Amino acid sequence: MDCLSRLKTYNFVFISYISPIMKRFYLTGYMGAGKTTLGKLVAELLNMEFIDLDHYIEARYHKTIRAIFAEHGEAYFRELEQKILHEVSDFENVIISTGGGVPCFFDNATYMNRHGVSVYLKVTPQRLFERLKIARQNRPVIRDKNDAELIEFIRENLDKRQPYYEQATIIFDATDLESADQVEQAANSLSAILSNY
């Protein structure tokens, strides 16, 4: 083997050794889809860090998402959200739970696919309604809606957002998360899928 060949071989081995594959997964989907619930469990199963993007923003700016919306409006918030998305995308070995609107603004859907693996947690409108009607007092955007208004709101928004959500690398059925056993089973299934990336 000549010197050049030996050098090429050495460089290949050296680079492989110092550059282990770092993983980054983004969980997307409508509010109530289970992004935080599944994300925490999957991160634990895969020995990865978990970040909830909304909580990260609130901790950084010492304000709730609701307060940021109220003080500055949605356009400001979406730009801030994109900035923080880019920031956390520098982290490695991490599962990032994104806000429900993240893939629908700017080039966020494409950006996530370029910087990691995006996962759309797909849930039927009826199941989302069943989950959100219980927790609506904690979600300002739906707090004052009655049942009929809520299901219509979910259907309309899901129809608008679906094309963006479906740009994800993986589409995972998260409809059945209504018991501890179902959540555990879903987390195991999703972990097995993500371990192949």
C-alpha atoms as a PDB file:
ATOM      1  CA  MET A   1       0.000   0.000   0.000  1.00  0.00           C
ATOM      2  CA  ASP A   2       1.468   3.398  -0.947  1.00  0.00           C
ATOM      3  CA  CYS A   3       1.543   6.404   1.374  1.00  0.00           C
ATOM      4  CA  LEU A   4      -1.525   8.054  -0.149  1.00  0.00           C
ATOM      5  CA  SER A   5      -3.581   4.890   0.241  1.00  0.00           C
ATOM      6  CA  ARG A   6      -2.492   4.514   3.846  1.00  0.00           C
ATOM      7  CA  LEU A   7      -3.390   8.151   4.533  1.00  0.00           C
ATOM      8  CA  LYS A   8      -6.861   7.755   3.024  1.00  0.00           C
ATOM      9  CA  THR A   9      -7.473   4.638   5.086  1.00  0.00           C
ATOM     10  CA  TYR A  10      -6.273   6.324   8.263  1.00  0.00           C
ATOM     11  CA  ASN A  11      -8.461   9.386   7.678  1.00  0.00           C
ATOM     12  CA  PHE A  12     -11.523   7.235   7.062  1.00  0.00           C
ATOM     13  CA  VAL A  13     -11.036   5.271  10.282  1.00  0.00           C
ATOM     14  CA  PHE A  14     -10.254   8.412  12.277  1.00  0.00           C
ATOM     15  CA  ILE A  15     -13.340  10.309  11.085  1.00  0.00           C
ATOM     16  CA  SER A  16     -15.571   7.314  11.741  1.00  0.00           C
ATOM     17  CA  TYR A  17     -14.252   7.078  15.266  1.00  0.00           C
ATOM     18  CA  ILE A  18     -14.750  10.703  16.301  1.00  0.00           C
ATOM     19  CA  SER A  19     -18.080  11.233  14.484  1.00  0.00           C
ATOM     20  CA  PRO A  20     -20.706   8.933  15.973  1.00  0.00           C
ATOM     21  CA  ILE A  21     -24.188   9.297  14.545  1.00  0.00           C
ATOM     22  CA  MET A  22     -26.150  11.830  16.549  1.00  0.00           C
ATOM     23  CA  LYS A  23     -29.925  11.620  16.429  1.00  0.00           C
ATOM     24  CA  ARG A  24     -32.558  14.330  16.493  1.00  0.00           C
ATOM     25  CA  PHE A  25     -36.277  13.624  16.342  1.00  0.00           C
ATOM     26  CA  TYR A  26     -39.114  16.141  16.052  1.00  0.00           C
ATOM     27  CA  LEU A  27     -42.628  15.210  17.180  1.00  0.00           C
ATOM     28  CA  THR A  28     -45.372  17.100  15.376  1.00  0.00           C
ATOM     29  CA  GLY A  29     -49.145  16.987  15.455  1.00  0.00           C
ATOM     30  CA  TYR A  30     -52.259  18.747  16.660  1.00  0.00           C
ATOM     31  CA  MET A  31     -52.709  19.775  20.294  1.00  0.00           C
ATOM     32  CA  GLY A  32     -53.766  16.776  22.310  1.00  0.00           C
ATOM     33  CA  ALA A  33     -52.026  14.341  19.962  1.00  0.00           C
ATOM     34  CA  GLY A  34     -49.710  13.072  22.706  1.00  0.00           C
ATOM     35  CA  LYS A  35     -46.445  14.748  21.708  1.00  0.00           C
ATOM     36  CA  THR A  36     -45.339  15.425  25.277  1.00  0.00           C
ATOM     37  CA  THR A  37     -46.763  12.229  26.760  1.00  0.00           C
ATOM     38  CA  LEU A  38     -45.131   9.961  24.174  1.00  0.00           C
ATOM     39  CA  GLY A  39     -42.050  12.113  23.758  1.00  0.00           C
ATOM     40  CA  LYS A  40     -40.986  11.811  27.399  1.00  0.00           C
ATOM     41  CA  LEU A  41     -41.418   8.039  27.427  1.00  0.00           C
ATOM     42  CA  VAL A  42     -39.694   7.487  24.099  1.00  0.00           C
ATOM     43  CA  ALA A  43     -36.787   9.706  25.153  1.00  0.00           C
ATOM     44  CA  GLU A  44     -36.390   7.617  28.282  1.00  0.00           C
ATOM     45  CA  LEU A  45     -36.522   4.354  26.331  1.00  0.00           C
ATOM     46  CA  LEU A  46     -33.924   5.562  23.823  1.00  0.00           C
ATOM     47  CA  ASN A  47     -31.758   7.266  26.453  1.00  0.00           C
ATOM     48  CA  MET A  48     -32.187  10.660  24.820  1.00  0.00           C
ATOM     49  CA  GLU A  49     -32.929  14.152  26.103  1.00  0.00           C
ATOM     50  CA  PHE A  50     -36.500  15.457  25.810  1.00  0.00           C
ATOM     51  CA  ILE A  51     -37.403  19.059  25.027  1.00  0.00           C
ATOM     52  CA  ASP A  52     -40.895  20.528  24.893  1.00  0.00           C
ATOM     53  CA  LEU A  53     -40.518  23.541  22.595  1.00  0.00           C
ATOM     54  CA  ASP A  54     -43.296  25.570  24.246  1.00  0.00           C
ATOM     55  CA  HIS A  55     -41.874  24.974  27.723  1.00  0.00           C
ATOM     56  CA  TYR A  56     -38.409  25.859  26.437  1.00  0.00           C
ATOM     57  CA  ILE A  57     -39.710  29.181  25.099  1.00  0.00           C
ATOM     58  CA  GLU A  58     -41.528  29.945  28.345  1.00  0.00           C
ATOM     59  CA  ALA A  59     -38.428  29.214  30.414  1.00  0.00           C
ATOM     60  CA  ARG A  60     -36.231  31.320  28.147  1.00  0.00           C
ATOM     61  CA  TYR A  61     -38.482  34.386  28.110  1.00  0.00           C
ATOM     62  CA  HIS A  62     -40.089  33.974  31.545  1.00  0.00           C
ATOM     63  CA  LYS A  63     -43.549  34.319  30.025  1.00  0.00           C
ATOM     64  CA  THR A  64     -46.297  31.908  29.116  1.00  0.00           C
ATOM     65  CA  ILE A  65     -47.095  31.289  25.462  1.00  0.00           C
ATOM     66  CA  ARG A  66     -50.474  32.865  26.148  1.00  0.00           C
ATOM     67  CA  ALA A  67     -48.814  36.043  27.474  1.00  0.00           C
ATOM     68  CA  ILE A  68     -46.479  36.288  24.478  1.00  0.00           C
ATOM     69  CA  PHE A  69     -49.459  35.976  22.134  1.00  0.00           C
ATOM     70  CA  ALA A  70     -51.414  38.607  24.075  1.00  0.00           C
ATOM     71  CA  GLU A  71     -48.559  41.109  24.265  1.00  0.00           C
ATOM     72  CA  HIS A  72     -47.016  40.756  20.821  1.00  0.00           C
ATOM     73  CA  GLY A  73     -49.438  38.865  18.554  1.00  0.00           C
ATOM     74  CA  GLU A  74     -49.134  35.660  16.566  1.00  0.00           C
ATOM     75  CA  ALA A  75     -46.727  36.944  13.896  1.00  0.00           C
ATOM     76  CA  TYR A  76     -44.159  37.841  16.557  1.00  0.00           C
ATOM     77  CA  PHE A  77     -44.639  34.517  18.316  1.00  0.00           C
ATOM     78  CA  ARG A  78     -44.195  32.480  15.131  1.00  0.00           C
ATOM     79  CA  GLU A  79     -40.892  34.225  14.392  1.00  0.00           C
ATOM     80  CA  LEU A  80     -39.760  33.606  17.959  1.00  0.00           C
ATOM     81  CA  GLU A  81     -40.857  29.983  17.696  1.00  0.00           C
ATOM     82  CA  GLN A  82     -38.828  29.515  14.522  1.00  0.00           C
ATOM     83  CA  LYS A  83     -35.764  31.077  16.146  1.00  0.00           C
ATOM     84  CA  ILE A  84     -35.987  28.695  19.110  1.00  0.00           C
ATOM     85  CA  LEU A  85     -36.627  25.732  16.792  1.00  0.00           C
ATOM     86  CA  HIS A  86     -33.332  26.507  15.067  1.00  0.00           C
ATOM     87  CA  GLU A  87     -31.597  26.873  18.425  1.00  0.00           C
ATOM     88  CA  VAL A  88     -32.677  23.494  19.790  1.00  0.00           C
ATOM     89  CA  SER A  89     -31.828  21.919  16.449  1.00  0.00           C
ATOM     90  CA  ASP A  90     -28.179  22.347  17.404  1.00  0.00           C
ATOM     91  CA  PHE A  91     -28.725  19.832  20.209  1.00  0.00           C
ATOM     92  CA  GLU A  92     -27.927  16.186  19.616  1.00  0.00           C
ATOM     93  CA  ASN A  93     -29.478  12.947  20.837  1.00  0.00           C
ATOM     94  CA  VAL A  94     -32.716  14.758  21.542  1.00  0.00           C
ATOM     95  CA  ILE A  95     -36.449  14.353  21.035  1.00  0.00           C
ATOM     96  CA  ILE A  96     -38.186  17.682  20.478  1.00  0.00           C
ATOM     97  CA  SER A  97     -41.925  18.049  21.027  1.00  0.00           C
ATOM     98  CA  THR A  98     -43.024  20.945  18.826  1.00  0.00           C
ATOM     99  CA  GLY A  99     -46.042  23.201  19.155  1.00  0.00           C
ATOM    100  CA  GLY A 100     -49.032  22.211  17.025  1.00  0.00           C
ATOM    101  CA  GLY A 101     -48.484  25.044  14.558  1.00  0.00           C
ATOM    102  CA  VAL A 102     -44.733  24.702  14.064  1.00  0.00           C
ATOM    103  CA  PRO A 103     -44.731  22.751  10.761  1.00  0.00           C
ATOM    104  CA  CYS A 104     -47.284  25.135   9.252  1.00  0.00           C
ATOM    105  CA  PHE A 105     -45.169  28.299   9.230  1.00  0.00           C
ATOM    106  CA  PHE A 106     -42.160  29.438   7.219  1.00  0.00           C
ATOM    107  CA  ASP A 107     -40.039  26.501   6.037  1.00  0.00           C
ATOM    108  CA  ASN A 108     -40.210  24.728   9.402  1.00  0.00           C
ATOM    109  CA  ALA A 109     -41.422  21.393   8.028  1.00  0.00           C
ATOM    110  CA  THR A 110     -38.565  21.252   5.512  1.00  0.00           C
ATOM    111  CA  TYR A 111     -36.085  22.488   8.095  1.00  0.00           C
ATOM    112  CA  MET A 112     -36.976  19.705  10.541  1.00  0.00           C
ATOM    113  CA  ASN A 113     -36.646  17.058   7.838  1.00  0.00           C
ATOM    114  CA  ARG A 114     -33.217  18.391   6.915  1.00  0.00           C
ATOM    115  CA  HIS A 115     -31.934  18.513  10.481  1.00  0.00           C
ATOM    116  CA  GLY A 116     -33.407  15.304  11.822  1.00  0.00           C
ATOM    117  CA  VAL A 117     -36.344  12.940  11.552  1.00  0.00           C
ATOM    118  CA  SER A 118     -39.845  14.365  11.945  1.00  0.00           C
ATOM    119  CA  VAL A 119     -42.723  12.272  13.269  1.00  0.00           C
ATOM    120  CA  TYR A 120     -46.371  13.196  12.784  1.00  0.00           C
ATOM    121  CA  LEU A 121     -48.528  11.817  15.591  1.00  0.00           C
ATOM    122  CA  LYS A 122     -51.766  11.318  13.698  1.00  0.00           C
ATOM    123  CA  VAL A 123     -55.033  11.240  15.649  1.00  0.00           C
ATOM    124  CA  THR A 124     -58.637  11.308  14.428  1.00  0.00           C
ATOM    125  CA  PRO A 125     -60.651  14.509  14.990  1.00  0.00           C
ATOM    126  CA  GLN A 126     -63.117  12.640  17.203  1.00  0.00           C
ATOM    127  CA  ARG A 127     -60.385  11.323  19.489  1.00  0.00           C
ATOM    128  CA  LEU A 128     -58.770  14.767  19.673  1.00  0.00           C
ATOM    129  CA  PHE A 129     -62.155  16.170  20.653  1.00  0.00           C
ATOM    130  CA  GLU A 130     -62.540  13.588  23.420  1.00  0.00           C
ATOM    131  CA  ARG A 131     -59.141  14.510  24.837  1.00  0.00           C
ATOM    132  CA  LEU A 132     -59.398  18.271  24.458  1.00  0.00           C
ATOM    133  CA  LYS A 133     -62.888  18.712  25.853  1.00  0.00           C
ATOM    134  CA  ILE A 134     -61.553  17.401  29.173  1.00  0.00           C
ATOM    135  CA  ALA A 135     -58.496  19.680  29.155  1.00  0.00           C
ATOM    136  CA  ARG A 136     -59.932  22.743  27.411  1.00  0.00           C
ATOM    137  CA  GLN A 137     -59.709  24.936  30.523  1.00  0.00           C
ATOM    138  CA  ASN A 138     -55.916  24.668  30.243  1.00  0.00           C
ATOM    139  CA  ARG A 139     -55.911  25.726  26.590  1.00  0.00           C
ATOM    140  CA  PRO A 140     -56.920  29.367  26.066  1.00  0.00           C
ATOM    141  CA  VAL A 141     -57.684  29.014  22.355  1.00  0.00           C
ATOM    142  CA  ILE A 142     -60.493  26.522  23.025  1.00  0.00           C
ATOM    143  CA  ARG A 143     -61.471  27.400  26.593  1.00  0.00           C
ATOM    144  CA  ASP A 144     -64.716  29.184  25.705  1.00  0.00           C
ATOM    145  CA  LYS A 145     -65.943  26.798  23.013  1.00  0.00           C
ATOM    146  CA  ASN A 146     -68.863  24.454  23.603  1.00  0.00           C
ATOM    147  CA  ASP A 147     -68.717  20.859  22.375  1.00  0.00           C
ATOM    148  CA  ALA A 148     -70.192  21.582  18.947  1.00  0.00           C
ATOM    149  CA  GLU A 149     -67.865  24.532  18.393  1.00  0.00           C
ATOM    150  CA  LEU A 150     -64.873  22.551  19.612  1.00  0.00           C
ATOM    151  CA  ILE A 151     -65.297  19.583  17.264  1.00  0.00           C
ATOM    152  CA  GLU A 152     -65.841  21.939  14.322  1.00  0.00           C
ATOM    153  CA  PHE A 153     -62.774  23.967  15.313  1.00  0.00           C
ATOM    154  CA  ILE A 154     -60.638  20.825  15.451  1.00  0.00           C
ATOM    155  CA  ARG A 155     -61.874  19.533  12.085  1.00  0.00           C
ATOM    156  CA  GLU A 156     -61.327  22.854  10.308  1.00  0.00           C
ATOM    157  CA  ASN A 157     -57.847  23.383  11.723  1.00  0.00           C
ATOM    158  CA  LEU A 158     -56.782  19.805  11.159  1.00  0.00           C
ATOM    159  CA  ASP A 159     -57.860  20.043   7.517  1.00  0.00           C
ATOM    160  CA  LYS A 160     -55.700  23.157   7.094  1.00  0.00           C
ATOM    161  CA  ARG A 161     -52.699  21.716   8.861  1.00  0.00           C
ATOM    162  CA  GLN A 162     -52.772  18.168   7.533  1.00  0.00           C
ATOM    163  CA  PRO A 163     -50.730  18.921   4.369  1.00  0.00           C
ATOM    164  CA  TYR A 164     -47.940  20.310   6.557  1.00  0.00           C
ATOM    165  CA  TYR A 165     -48.103  17.537   9.134  1.00  0.00           C
ATOM    166  CA  GLU A 166     -47.942  14.890   6.415  1.00  0.00           C
ATOM    167  CA  GLN A 167     -44.583  16.184   5.189  1.00  0.00           C
ATOM    168  CA  ALA A 168     -43.101  14.361   8.180  1.00  0.00           C
ATOM    169  CA  THR A 169     -40.641  11.520   7.646  1.00  0.00           C
ATOM    170  CA  ILE A 170     -42.788   9.183   9.739  1.00  0.00           C
ATOM    171  CA  ILE A 171     -46.548   9.155  10.260  1.00  0.00           C
ATOM    172  CA  PHE A 172     -47.423   7.361  13.499  1.00  0.00           C
ATOM    173  CA  ASP A 173     -50.960   6.492  14.593  1.00  0.00           C
ATOM    174  CA  ALA A 174     -51.403   7.957  18.086  1.00  0.00           C
ATOM    175  CA  THR A 175     -55.176   7.514  18.285  1.00  0.00           C
ATOM    176  CA  ASP A 176     -55.097   4.963  21.103  1.00  0.00           C
ATOM    177  CA  LEU A 177     -53.455   6.577  24.121  1.00  0.00           C
ATOM    178  CA  GLU A 178     -56.378   6.407  26.502  1.00  0.00           C
ATOM    179  CA  SER A 179     -54.881   4.066  29.110  1.00  0.00           C
ATOM    180  CA  ALA A 180     -51.481   3.571  30.689  1.00  0.00           C
ATOM    181  CA  ASP A 181     -51.106   0.270  28.845  1.00  0.00           C
ATOM    182  CA  GLN A 182     -51.903   1.876  25.486  1.00  0.00           C
ATOM    183  CA  VAL A 183     -49.441   4.696  26.123  1.00  0.00           C
ATOM    184  CA  GLU A 184     -46.721   2.204  27.065  1.00  0.00           C
ATOM    185  CA  GLN A 185     -47.430   0.083  23.995  1.00  0.00           C
ATOM    186  CA  ALA A 186     -47.355   3.122  21.706  1.00  0.00           C
ATOM    187  CA  ALA A 187     -44.105   4.353  23.261  1.00  0.00           C
ATOM    188  CA  ASN A 188     -42.496   0.965  22.735  1.00  0.00           C
ATOM    189  CA  SER A 189     -43.693   0.822  19.131  1.00  0.00           C
ATOM    190  CA  LEU A 190     -42.470   4.327  18.333  1.00  0.00           C
ATOM    191  CA  SER A 191     -39.144   3.676  20.051  1.00  0.00           C
ATOM    192  CA  ALA A 192     -38.632   0.575  17.913  1.00  0.00           C
ATOM    193  CA  ILE A 193     -39.308   2.601  14.756  1.00  0.00           C
ATOM    194  CA  LEU A 194     -37.004   5.456  15.710  1.00  0.00           C
ATOM    195  CA  SER A 195     -34.189   3.113  16.704  1.00  0.00           C
ATOM    196  CA  ASN A 196     -33.860   2.237  13.008  1.00  0.00           C
ATOM    197  CA  TYR A 197     -32.921   5.826  12.104  1.00  0.00           C
END
